[in-house]
Amino acid sequence: MVSTLAAIIALSLFVILSLDLPFTGDVAAKPTALKEETVEFCSYNFANPTEAHNCKDPVSHSHG
């Protein structure tokens, strides 16, 4: 019983630490998909769909 509880706590801590740092480690998420979606989102004008480029410069705020 105690070993099962210890295993659950250890696995929970591992999952928390893995999800807390998504851009580090062997299986890291790359920010390129988010940058592409930001550009696409900013190119769509919800009030007037025929106009484009709502955002000033969404990609320039990145540090990489």
PDB file of N, CA and C in Angstrom:
ATOM      1  N   MET A   1       0.818  -1.192   0.000  1.00  0.00           N
ATOM      2  CA  MET A   1       0.000   0.000   0.000  1.00  0.00           C
ATOM      3  C   MET A   1       0.866   1.261   0.000  1.00  0.00           C
ATOM      4  N   VAL A   2       1.879   1.276   0.868  1.00  0.00           N
ATOM      5  CA  VAL A   2       2.766   2.436   0.959  1.00  0.00           C
ATOM      6  C   VAL A   2       3.594   2.577  -0.316  1.00  0.00           C
ATOM      7  N   SER A   3       4.032   1.459  -0.877  1.00  0.00           N
ATOM      8  CA  SER A   3       4.830   1.526  -2.099  1.00  0.00           C
ATOM      9  C   SER A   3       3.998   2.026  -3.282  1.00  0.00           C
ATOM     10  N   THR A   4       2.736   1.668  -3.322  1.00  0.00           N
ATOM     11  CA  THR A   4       1.853   2.166  -4.377  1.00  0.00           C
ATOM     12  C   THR A   4       1.656   3.671  -4.253  1.00  0.00           C
ATOM     13  N   LEU A   5       1.464   4.137  -3.032  1.00  0.00           N
ATOM     14  CA  LEU A   5       1.318   5.574  -2.804  1.00  0.00           C
ATOM     15  C   LEU A   5       2.597   6.321  -3.171  1.00  0.00           C
ATOM     16  N   ALA A   6       3.747   5.753  -2.826  1.00  0.00           N
ATOM     17  CA  ALA A   6       5.030   6.369  -3.170  1.00  0.00           C
ATOM     18  C   ALA A   6       5.219   6.422  -4.685  1.00  0.00           C
ATOM     19  N   ALA A   7       4.820   5.363  -5.371  1.00  0.00           N
ATOM     20  CA  ALA A   7       4.938   5.334  -6.830  1.00  0.00           C
ATOM     21  C   ALA A   7       4.019   6.371  -7.470  1.00  0.00           C
ATOM     22  N   ILE A   8       2.820   6.513  -6.961  1.00  0.00           N
ATOM     23  CA  ILE A   8       1.882   7.501  -7.499  1.00  0.00           C
ATOM     24  C   ILE A   8       2.403   8.916  -7.268  1.00  0.00           C
ATOM     25  N   ILE A   9       2.932   9.180  -6.092  1.00  0.00           N
ATOM     26  CA  ILE A   9       3.487  10.501  -5.807  1.00  0.00           C
ATOM     27  C   ILE A   9       4.692  10.786  -6.690  1.00  0.00           C
ATOM     28  N   ALA A  10       5.579   9.800  -6.856  1.00  0.00           N
ATOM     29  CA  ALA A  10       6.767   9.978  -7.696  1.00  0.00           C
ATOM     30  C   ALA A  10       6.378  10.214  -9.153  1.00  0.00           C
ATOM     31  N   LEU A  11       5.426   9.459  -9.651  1.00  0.00           N
ATOM     32  CA  LEU A  11       4.975   9.634 -11.026  1.00  0.00           C
ATOM     33  C   LEU A  11       4.296  10.985 -11.212  1.00  0.00           C
ATOM     34  N   SER A  12       3.535  11.408 -10.227  1.00  0.00           N
ATOM     35  CA  SER A  12       2.887  12.718 -10.300  1.00  0.00           C
ATOM     36  C   SER A  12       3.917  13.843 -10.336  1.00  0.00           C
ATOM     37  N   LEU A  13       4.946  13.753  -9.506  1.00  0.00           N
ATOM     38  CA  LEU A  13       6.000  14.773  -9.517  1.00  0.00           C
ATOM     39  C   LEU A  13       6.750  14.779 -10.843  1.00  0.00           C
ATOM     40  N   PHE A  14       6.996  13.602 -11.404  1.00  0.00           N
ATOM     41  CA  PHE A  14       7.663  13.519 -12.703  1.00  0.00           C
ATOM     42  C   PHE A  14       6.827  14.183 -13.794  1.00  0.00           C
ATOM     43  N   VAL A  15       5.540  13.921 -13.811  1.00  0.00           N
ATOM     44  CA  VAL A  15       4.653  14.522 -14.813  1.00  0.00           C
ATOM     45  C   VAL A  15       4.589  16.031 -14.634  1.00  0.00           C
ATOM     46  N   ILE A  16       4.501  16.496 -13.408  1.00  0.00           N
ATOM     47  CA  ILE A  16       4.453  17.941 -13.142  1.00  0.00           C
ATOM     48  C   ILE A  16       5.724  18.615 -13.634  1.00  0.00           C
ATOM     49  N   LEU A  17       6.879  18.039 -13.330  1.00  0.00           N
ATOM     50  CA  LEU A  17       8.139  18.633 -13.768  1.00  0.00           C
ATOM     51  C   LEU A  17       8.303  18.564 -15.281  1.00  0.00           C
ATOM     52  N   SER A  18       7.837  17.494 -15.894  1.00  0.00           N
ATOM     53  CA  SER A  18       7.930  17.371 -17.356  1.00  0.00           C
ATOM     54  C   SER A  18       7.054  18.400 -18.056  1.00  0.00           C
ATOM     55  N   LEU A  19       5.855  18.628 -17.544  1.00  0.00           N
ATOM     56  CA  LEU A  19       4.951  19.588 -18.161  1.00  0.00           C
ATOM     57  C   LEU A  19       5.307  21.028 -17.813  1.00  0.00           C
ATOM     58  N   ASP A  20       6.055  21.229 -16.753  1.00  0.00           N
ATOM     59  CA  ASP A  20       6.427  22.576 -16.336  1.00  0.00           C
ATOM     60  C   ASP A  20       7.489  23.175 -17.251  1.00  0.00           C
ATOM     61  N   LEU A  21       8.302  22.350 -17.881  1.00  0.00           N
ATOM     62  CA  LEU A  21       9.376  22.816 -18.756  1.00  0.00           C
ATOM     63  C   LEU A  21       9.212  22.215 -20.158  1.00  0.00           C
ATOM     64  N   PRO A  22       8.245  22.674 -20.946  1.00  0.00           N
ATOM     65  CA  PRO A  22       7.968  22.032 -22.226  1.00  0.00           C
ATOM     66  C   PRO A  22       9.000  22.323 -23.320  1.00  0.00           C
ATOM     67  N   PHE A  23       9.836  23.355 -23.161  1.00  0.00           N
ATOM     68  CA  PHE A  23      10.781  23.709 -24.208  1.00  0.00           C
ATOM     69  C   PHE A  23      12.192  23.209 -23.916  1.00  0.00           C
ATOM     70  N   THR A  24      12.365  22.332 -22.922  1.00  0.00           N
ATOM     71  CA  THR A  24      13.673  21.778 -22.589  1.00  0.00           C
ATOM     72  C   THR A  24      13.612  20.267 -22.625  1.00  0.00           C
ATOM     73  N   GLY A  25      14.764  19.639 -22.716  1.00  0.00           N
ATOM     74  CA  GLY A  25      14.829  18.188 -22.668  1.00  0.00           C
ATOM     75  C   GLY A  25      14.893  17.548 -24.039  1.00  0.00           C
ATOM     76  N   ASP A  26      14.889  16.212 -24.045  1.00  0.00           N
ATOM     77  CA  ASP A  26      14.996  15.461 -25.293  1.00  0.00           C
ATOM     78  C   ASP A  26      13.762  15.613 -26.169  1.00  0.00           C
ATOM     79  N   VAL A  27      12.596  15.585 -25.559  1.00  0.00           N
ATOM     80  CA  VAL A  27      11.344  15.723 -26.299  1.00  0.00           C
ATOM     81  C   VAL A  27      10.796  17.117 -26.006  1.00  0.00           C
ATOM     82  N   ALA A  28      11.343  18.109 -26.690  1.00  0.00           N
ATOM     83  CA  ALA A  28      10.971  19.502 -26.433  1.00  0.00           C
ATOM     84  C   ALA A  28      10.031  20.009 -27.525  1.00  0.00           C
ATOM     85  N   ALA A  29       9.097  20.825 -27.123  1.00  0.00           N
ATOM     86  CA  ALA A  29       8.198  21.465 -28.085  1.00  0.00           C
ATOM     87  C   ALA A  29       8.910  22.675 -28.668  1.00  0.00           C
ATOM     88  N   LYS A  30       8.876  22.799 -29.959  1.00  0.00           N
ATOM     89  CA  LYS A  30       9.513  23.934 -30.632  1.00  0.00           C
ATOM     90  C   LYS A  30       8.493  25.053 -30.793  1.00  0.00           C
ATOM     91  N   PRO A  31       8.906  26.315 -30.633  1.00  0.00           N
ATOM     92  CA  PRO A  31       7.964  27.434 -30.720  1.00  0.00           C
ATOM     93  C   PRO A  31       7.588  27.818 -32.146  1.00  0.00           C
ATOM     94  N   THR A  32       8.077  27.109 -33.156  1.00  0.00           N
ATOM     95  CA  THR A  32       7.798  27.495 -34.545  1.00  0.00           C
ATOM     96  C   THR A  32       6.313  27.375 -34.883  1.00  0.00           C
ATOM     97  N   ALA A  33       5.654  26.347 -34.384  1.00  0.00           N
ATOM     98  CA  ALA A  33       4.225  26.186 -34.688  1.00  0.00           C
ATOM     99  C   ALA A  33       3.412  27.329 -34.084  1.00  0.00           C
ATOM    100  N   LEU A  34       3.747  27.741 -32.882  1.00  0.00           N
ATOM    101  CA  LEU A  34       3.043  28.854 -32.246  1.00  0.00           C
ATOM    102  C   LEU A  34       3.275  30.151 -33.017  1.00  0.00           C
ATOM    103  N   LYS A  35       4.482  30.365 -33.498  1.00  0.00           N
ATOM    104  CA  LYS A  35       4.782  31.568 -34.286  1.00  0.00           C
ATOM    105  C   LYS A  35       3.968  31.579 -35.586  1.00  0.00           C
ATOM    106  N   GLU A  36       3.892  30.427 -36.249  1.00  0.00           N
ATOM    107  CA  GLU A  36       3.128  30.342 -37.499  1.00  0.00           C
ATOM    108  C   GLU A  36       1.642  30.592 -37.252  1.00  0.00           C
ATOM    109  N   GLU A  37       1.103  30.042 -36.185  1.00  0.00           N
ATOM    110  CA  GLU A  37      -0.310  30.252 -35.871  1.00  0.00           C
ATOM    111  C   GLU A  37      -0.579  31.700 -35.473  1.00  0.00           C
ATOM    112  N   THR A  38       0.368  32.342 -34.804  1.00  0.00           N
ATOM    113  CA  THR A  38       0.208  33.748 -34.437  1.00  0.00           C
ATOM    114  C   THR A  38       0.146  34.614 -35.682  1.00  0.00           C
ATOM    115  N   VAL A  39       1.003  34.337 -36.650  1.00  0.00           N
ATOM    116  CA  VAL A  39       0.991  35.092 -37.901  1.00  0.00           C
ATOM    117  C   VAL A  39      -0.330  34.880 -38.630  1.00  0.00           C
ATOM    118  N   GLU A  40      -0.804  33.630 -38.680  1.00  0.00           N
ATOM    119  CA  GLU A  40      -2.070  33.348 -39.354  1.00  0.00           C
ATOM    120  C   GLU A  40      -3.241  34.001 -38.631  1.00  0.00           C
ATOM    121  N   PHE A  41      -3.233  33.966 -37.302  1.00  0.00           N
ATOM    122  CA  PHE A  41      -4.305  34.576 -36.524  1.00  0.00           C
ATOM    123  C   PHE A  41      -4.334  36.084 -36.727  1.00  0.00           C
ATOM    124  N   CYS A  42      -3.170  36.700 -36.759  1.00  0.00           N
ATOM    125  CA  CYS A  42      -3.101  38.153 -36.916  1.00  0.00           C
ATOM    126  C   CYS A  42      -3.451  38.585 -38.333  1.00  0.00           C
ATOM    127  N   SER A  43      -3.346  37.682 -39.289  1.00  0.00           N
ATOM    128  CA  SER A  43      -3.667  38.055 -40.662  1.00  0.00           C
ATOM    129  C   SER A  43      -5.175  38.044 -40.921  1.00  0.00           C
ATOM    130  N   TYR A  44      -5.958  37.546 -39.978  1.00  0.00           N
ATOM    131  CA  TYR A  44      -7.405  37.485 -40.156  1.00  0.00           C
ATOM    132  C   TYR A  44      -8.070  38.585 -39.348  1.00  0.00           C
ATOM    133  N   ASN A  45      -8.901  39.336 -39.988  1.00  0.00           N
ATOM    134  CA  ASN A  45      -9.625  40.419 -39.332  1.00  0.00           C
ATOM    135  C   ASN A  45     -11.035  39.921 -39.048  1.00  0.00           C
ATOM    136  N   PHE A  46     -11.392  39.796 -37.784  1.00  0.00           N
ATOM    137  CA  PHE A  46     -12.689  39.254 -37.426  1.00  0.00           C
ATOM    138  C   PHE A  46     -13.829  40.230 -37.700  1.00  0.00           C
ATOM    139  N   ALA A  47     -13.568  41.519 -37.621  1.00  0.00           N
ATOM    140  CA  ALA A  47     -14.616  42.511 -37.868  1.00  0.00           C
ATOM    141  C   ALA A  47     -14.886  42.646 -39.359  1.00  0.00           C
ATOM    142  N   ASN A  48     -13.842  42.660 -40.168  1.00  0.00           N
ATOM    143  CA  ASN A  48     -13.970  42.795 -41.613  1.00  0.00           C
ATOM    144  C   ASN A  48     -13.025  41.783 -42.261  1.00  0.00           C
ATOM    145  N   PRO A  49     -13.512  40.600 -42.615  1.00  0.00           N
ATOM    146  CA  PRO A  49     -12.644  39.535 -43.118  1.00  0.00           C
ATOM    147  C   PRO A  49     -11.900  39.862 -44.414  1.00  0.00           C
ATOM    148  N   THR A  50     -12.306  40.891 -45.132  1.00  0.00           N
ATOM    149  CA  THR A  50     -11.601  41.221 -46.364  1.00  0.00           C
ATOM    150  C   THR A  50     -10.293  41.964 -46.095  1.00  0.00           C
ATOM    151  N   GLU A  51     -10.172  42.593 -44.929  1.00  0.00           N
ATOM    152  CA  GLU A  51      -8.925  43.254 -44.570  1.00  0.00           C
ATOM    153  C   GLU A  51      -8.004  42.257 -43.879  1.00  0.00           C
ATOM    154  N   ALA A  52      -6.718  42.572 -43.869  1.00  0.00           N
ATOM    155  CA  ALA A  52      -5.758  41.646 -43.263  1.00  0.00           C
ATOM    156  C   ALA A  52      -4.761  42.399 -42.399  1.00  0.00           C
ATOM    157  N   HIS A  53      -3.915  41.648 -41.727  1.00  0.00           N
ATOM    158  CA  HIS A  53      -2.806  42.160 -40.907  1.00  0.00           C
ATOM    159  C   HIS A  53      -3.287  43.028 -39.758  1.00  0.00           C
ATOM    160  N   ASN A  54      -3.964  42.399 -38.800  1.00  0.00           N
ATOM    161  CA  ASN A  54      -4.419  43.082 -37.590  1.00  0.00           C
ATOM    162  C   ASN A  54      -3.267  43.458 -36.674  1.00  0.00           C
ATOM    163  N   CYS A  55      -2.328  42.538 -36.481  1.00  0.00           N
ATOM    164  CA  CYS A  55      -1.240  42.764 -35.528  1.00  0.00           C
ATOM    165  C   CYS A  55      -0.123  43.564 -36.181  1.00  0.00           C
ATOM    166  N   LYS A  56       0.597  44.284 -35.355  1.00  0.00           N
ATOM    167  CA  LYS A  56       1.689  45.106 -35.872  1.00  0.00           C
ATOM    168  C   LYS A  56       2.826  44.232 -36.385  1.00  0.00           C
ATOM    169  N   ASP A  57       3.462  43.453 -35.498  1.00  0.00           N
ATOM    170  CA  ASP A  57       4.547  42.559 -35.899  1.00  0.00           C
ATOM    171  C   ASP A  57       4.629  41.424 -34.885  1.00  0.00           C
ATOM    172  N   PRO A  58       3.866  40.329 -35.067  1.00  0.00           N
ATOM    173  CA  PRO A  58       3.771  39.295 -34.050  1.00  0.00           C
ATOM    174  C   PRO A  58       5.050  38.480 -33.868  1.00  0.00           C
ATOM    175  N   VAL A  59       5.901  38.416 -34.886  1.00  0.00           N
ATOM    176  CA  VAL A  59       7.072  37.549 -34.809  1.00  0.00           C
ATOM    177  C   VAL A  59       8.242  38.260 -34.156  1.00  0.00           C
ATOM    178  N   SER A  60       8.282  39.597 -34.181  1.00  0.00           N
ATOM    179  CA  SER A  60       9.441  40.326 -33.679  1.00  0.00           C
ATOM    180  C   SER A  60       9.573  40.263 -32.156  1.00  0.00           C
ATOM    181  N   HIS A  61       8.536  39.853 -31.442  1.00  0.00           N
ATOM    182  CA  HIS A  61       8.595  39.796 -29.995  1.00  0.00           C
ATOM    183  C   HIS A  61       9.299  38.544 -29.487  1.00  0.00           C
ATOM    184  N   SER A  62       9.721  37.647 -30.377  1.00  0.00           N
ATOM    185  CA  SER A  62      10.372  36.418 -29.947  1.00  0.00           C
ATOM    186  C   SER A  62      11.833  36.696 -29.591  1.00  0.00           C
ATOM    187  N   HIS A  63      12.363  35.844 -28.726  1.00  0.00           N
ATOM    188  CA  HIS A  63      13.736  35.999 -28.281  1.00  0.00           C
ATOM    189  C   HIS A  63      14.641  34.949 -28.885  1.00  0.00           C
ATOM    190  N   GLY A  64      14.220  34.259 -29.909  1.00  0.00           N
ATOM    191  CA  GLY A  64      15.029  33.173 -30.420  1.00  0.00           C
ATOM    192  C   GLY A  64      15.261  33.281 -31.843  1.00  0.00           C
TER     193      GLY A  64
END
